[in-house]
C-alpha atoms as a PDB file:
ATOM      1  CA  MET A   1     -12.321  10.596  -7.099  1.00  0.00           C
ATOM      2  CA  ILE A   2     -11.565   7.385  -5.170  1.00  0.00           C
ATOM      3  CA  ARG A   3     -11.338   7.343  -1.455  1.00  0.00           C
ATOM      4  CA  LEU A   4      -9.049   4.899   0.093  1.00  0.00           C
ATOM      5  CA  THR A   5      -7.502   4.548   3.692  1.00  0.00           C
ATOM      6  CA  LEU A   6      -3.999   3.237   3.980  1.00  0.00           C
ATOM      7  CA  TYR A   7      -2.479   1.941   7.010  1.00  0.00           C
ATOM      8  CA  THR A   8       0.930   2.908   7.453  1.00  0.00           C
ATOM      9  CA  THR A   9       3.927   4.230   9.570  1.00  0.00           C
ATOM     10  CA  LEU A  10       6.541   6.626   9.157  1.00  0.00           C
ATOM     11  CA  GLY A  11       9.397   5.692   6.883  1.00  0.00           C
ATOM     12  CA  CYS A  12       7.250   2.876   5.083  1.00  0.00           C
ATOM     13  CA  HIS A  13       9.119   2.437   1.835  1.00  0.00           C
ATOM     14  CA  LEU A  14       6.807  -0.240   0.821  1.00  0.00           C
ATOM     15  CA  CYS A  15       3.906   2.304   1.430  1.00  0.00           C
ATOM     16  CA  ASP A  16       5.635   4.488  -1.027  1.00  0.00           C
ATOM     17  CA  GLU A  17       5.964   2.210  -3.314  1.00  0.00           C
ATOM     18  CA  LEU A  18       2.216   1.547  -3.183  1.00  0.00           C
ATOM     19  CA  GLU A  19       1.388   4.945  -3.556  1.00  0.00           C
ATOM     20  CA  HIS A  20       3.304   5.396  -6.744  1.00  0.00           C
ATOM     21  CA  HIS A  21       1.863   2.009  -8.502  1.00  0.00           C
ATOM     22  CA  LEU A  22      -1.654   3.374  -6.990  1.00  0.00           C
ATOM     23  CA  ALA A  23      -0.979   6.811  -9.008  1.00  0.00           C
ATOM     24  CA  SER A  24      -0.319   5.267 -12.194  1.00  0.00           C
ATOM     25  CA  LEU A  25      -2.702   2.429 -12.258  1.00  0.00           C
ATOM     26  CA  SER A  26      -5.765   4.202 -11.035  1.00  0.00           C
ATOM     27  CA  VAL A  27      -8.350   5.353 -13.821  1.00  0.00           C
ATOM     28  CA  ALA A  28      -9.155   8.420 -11.219  1.00  0.00           C
ATOM     29  CA  GLU A  29      -7.459  10.840  -8.729  1.00  0.00           C
ATOM     30  CA  VAL A  30      -6.911   8.839  -5.372  1.00  0.00           C
ATOM     31  CA  ILE A  31      -7.437  10.564  -2.011  1.00  0.00           C
ATOM     32  CA  LEU A  32      -5.454   8.791   0.674  1.00  0.00           C
ATOM     33  CA  GLU A  33      -6.477   8.976   4.269  1.00  0.00           C
ATOM     34  CA  ARG A  34      -3.190   7.947   5.777  1.00  0.00           C
ATOM     35  CA  VAL A  35      -3.566   6.064   9.311  1.00  0.00           C
ATOM     36  CA  GLU A  36      -0.391   5.965  11.290  1.00  0.00           C
ATOM     37  CA  ILE A  37      -0.545   2.792  13.412  1.00  0.00           C
ATOM     38  CA  ALA A  38       2.689   3.280  15.619  1.00  0.00           C
ATOM     39  CA  ASP A  39       0.856   5.422  17.853  1.00  0.00           C
ATOM     40  CA  ASP A  40      -2.047   2.938  18.852  1.00  0.00           C
ATOM     41  CA  ASP A  41      -1.265  -0.658  20.316  1.00  0.00           C
ATOM     42  CA  ALA A  42      -4.480  -2.245  18.704  1.00  0.00           C
ATOM     43  CA  LEU A  43      -3.706  -0.973  15.211  1.00  0.00           C
ATOM     44  CA  MET A  44      -0.329  -2.121  15.877  1.00  0.00           C
ATOM     45  CA  ALA A  45      -1.396  -5.459  16.437  1.00  0.00           C
ATOM     46  CA  ARG A  46      -3.718  -5.492  13.656  1.00  0.00           C
ATOM     47  CA  TYR A  47      -1.674  -4.158  11.038  1.00  0.00           C
ATOM     48  CA  GLY A  48       2.085  -3.932  12.219  1.00  0.00           C
ATOM     49  CA  GLU A  49       3.461  -6.871  10.209  1.00  0.00           C
ATOM     50  CA  ARG A  50       1.048  -6.345   7.390  1.00  0.00           C
ATOM     51  CA  ILE A  51       1.607  -2.659   6.312  1.00  0.00           C
ATOM     52  CA  PRO A  52       1.080  -1.226   3.940  1.00  0.00           C
ATOM     53  CA  VAL A  53      -2.705  -2.078   3.738  1.00  0.00           C
ATOM     54  CA  LEU A  54      -5.156  -0.291   1.575  1.00  0.00           C
ATOM     55  CA  VAL A  55      -8.722  -0.496   2.592  1.00  0.00           C
ATOM     56  CA  ASP A  56     -11.814   0.588   0.340  1.00  0.00           C
ATOM     57  CA  ALA A  57     -15.173   2.339   1.408  1.00  0.00           C
ATOM     58  CA  SER A  58     -16.670  -1.129   2.073  1.00  0.00           C
ATOM     59  CA  GLY A  59     -13.820  -2.159   4.222  1.00  0.00           C
ATOM     60  CA  ALA A  60     -12.206  -4.630   1.914  1.00  0.00           C
ATOM     61  CA  GLU A  61      -8.393  -4.688   2.595  1.00  0.00           C
ATOM     62  CA  LEU A  62      -5.703  -5.283   0.314  1.00  0.00           C
ATOM     63  CA  GLU A  63      -2.095  -6.515   1.559  1.00  0.00           C
ATOM     64  CA  ARG A  64       0.856  -6.203  -0.742  1.00  0.00           C
ATOM     65  CA  GLY A  65      -0.213  -3.660  -2.727  1.00  0.00           C
ATOM     66  CA  PHE A  66       3.061  -2.450  -3.590  1.00  0.00           C
ATOM     67  CA  GLU A  67       3.132  -5.513  -5.878  1.00  0.00           C
ATOM     68  CA  PRO A  68       1.796  -3.969  -9.079  1.00  0.00           C
ATOM     69  CA  GLU A  69       0.098  -7.421 -10.157  1.00  0.00           C
ATOM     70  CA  CYS A  70      -1.894  -7.443  -6.488  1.00  0.00           C
ATOM     71  CA  LEU A  71      -3.044  -3.925  -6.734  1.00  0.00           C
ATOM     72  CA  ALA A  72      -4.252  -4.091 -10.345  1.00  0.00           C
ATOM     73  CA  ALA A  73      -6.269  -7.090  -9.504  1.00  0.00           C
ATOM     74  CA  TRP A  74      -7.862  -5.182  -6.663  1.00  0.00           C
ATOM     75  CA  LEU A  75      -8.252  -2.255  -8.635  1.00  0.00           C
ATOM     76  CA  ALA A  76      -9.889  -4.057 -11.444  1.00  0.00           C
ATOM     77  CA  GLU A  77     -12.223  -5.911  -9.334  1.00  0.00           C
ATOM     78  CA  ARG A  78     -13.527  -2.249  -8.350  1.00  0.00           C
ATOM     79  CA  GLY A  79     -13.489  -0.941 -12.118  1.00  0.00           C
ATOM     80  CA  TRP A  80     -10.925   1.444 -11.136  1.00  0.00           C
ATOM     81  CA  LEU A  81      -7.914  -0.140 -13.029  1.00  0.00           C
ATOM     82  CA  ARG A  82      -6.283   2.017 -15.953  1.00  0.00           C
ATOM     83  CA  LYS A  83      -5.342  -1.182 -17.803  1.00  0.00           C
ATOM     84  CA  GLU A  84      -2.963   0.392 -20.168  1.00  0.00           C
ATOM     85  CA  ALA A  85      -0.922   1.418 -17.313  1.00  0.00           C
ATOM     86  CA  LEU A  86      -0.071  -1.897 -15.923  1.00  0.00           C
ATOM     87  CA  GLU A  87       2.125  -2.739 -18.969  1.00  0.00           C
ATOM     88  CA  THR A  88       4.370   0.444 -18.381  1.00  0.00           C
ATOM     89  CA  THR A  89       4.359  -0.143 -14.546  1.00  0.00           C
ATOM     90  CA  GLU A  90       7.863  -0.353 -13.097  1.00  0.00           C
ATOM     91  CA  ALA A  91       9.139  -3.330 -11.173  1.00  0.00           C
ATOM     92  CA  PRO A  92       8.981  -2.886  -7.447  1.00  0.00           C
ATOM     93  CA  ILE A  93      12.147  -1.671  -5.546  1.00  0.00           C
ATOM     94  CA  SER A  94      13.812  -4.260  -3.593  1.00  0.00           C
ATOM     95  CA  GLU A  95      14.120  -4.400   0.065  1.00  0.00           C
ATOM     96  CA  PRO A  96      17.191  -2.632   1.074  1.00  0.00           C
ATOM     97  CA  LYS A  97      20.086  -4.935   2.535  1.00  0.00           C
ATOM     98  CA  GLY A  98      20.192  -5.501   6.316  1.00  0.00           C
ATOM     99  CA  ALA A  99      16.746  -4.358   6.726  1.00  0.00           C
ATOM    100  CA  TYR A 100      14.701  -6.009   9.720  1.00  0.00           C
ATOM    101  CA  LEU A 101      11.372  -5.905  11.125  1.00  0.00           C
ATOM    102  CA  ARG A 102      10.674  -5.071  14.810  1.00  0.00           C
ATOM    103  CA  ARG A 103       7.335  -4.347  16.415  1.00  0.00           C
ATOM    104  CA  GLY A 104       6.239  -4.237  12.707  1.00  0.00           C
ATOM    105  CA  ARG A 105       8.550  -1.306  12.002  1.00  0.00           C
ATOM    106  CA  ARG A 106      11.133  -1.641   9.484  1.00  0.00           C
ATOM    107  CA  PHE A 107      14.834  -0.724  10.095  1.00  0.00           C
ATOM    108  CA  LEU A 108      18.169  -0.451   8.169  1.00  0.00           C
ATOM    109  CA  GLY A 109      20.858  -2.409   9.609  1.00  0.00           C
END
């Protein structure tokens, strides 16, 4: 079992992509502690435009984990990558048209 922290916010489609790829690329079950950043000014300042951010038990952070190649490299460094799964991972979902960021939150236009 792998325990990770995911800094996220409500409606984050990139966070959903990261979770999807994490489930398919990991060698073991992943338990995520989801931390909502919108309710905390310090977390908004630190992670607002960076989410999703995945953090392991040692505090090592991964940005852009919704990109399968980035996530796979991060998992491989820790010995958690199921290598055969990388070949079958779907391409990431593209950003919706008209989407924009405001204070670290994504909105559809």
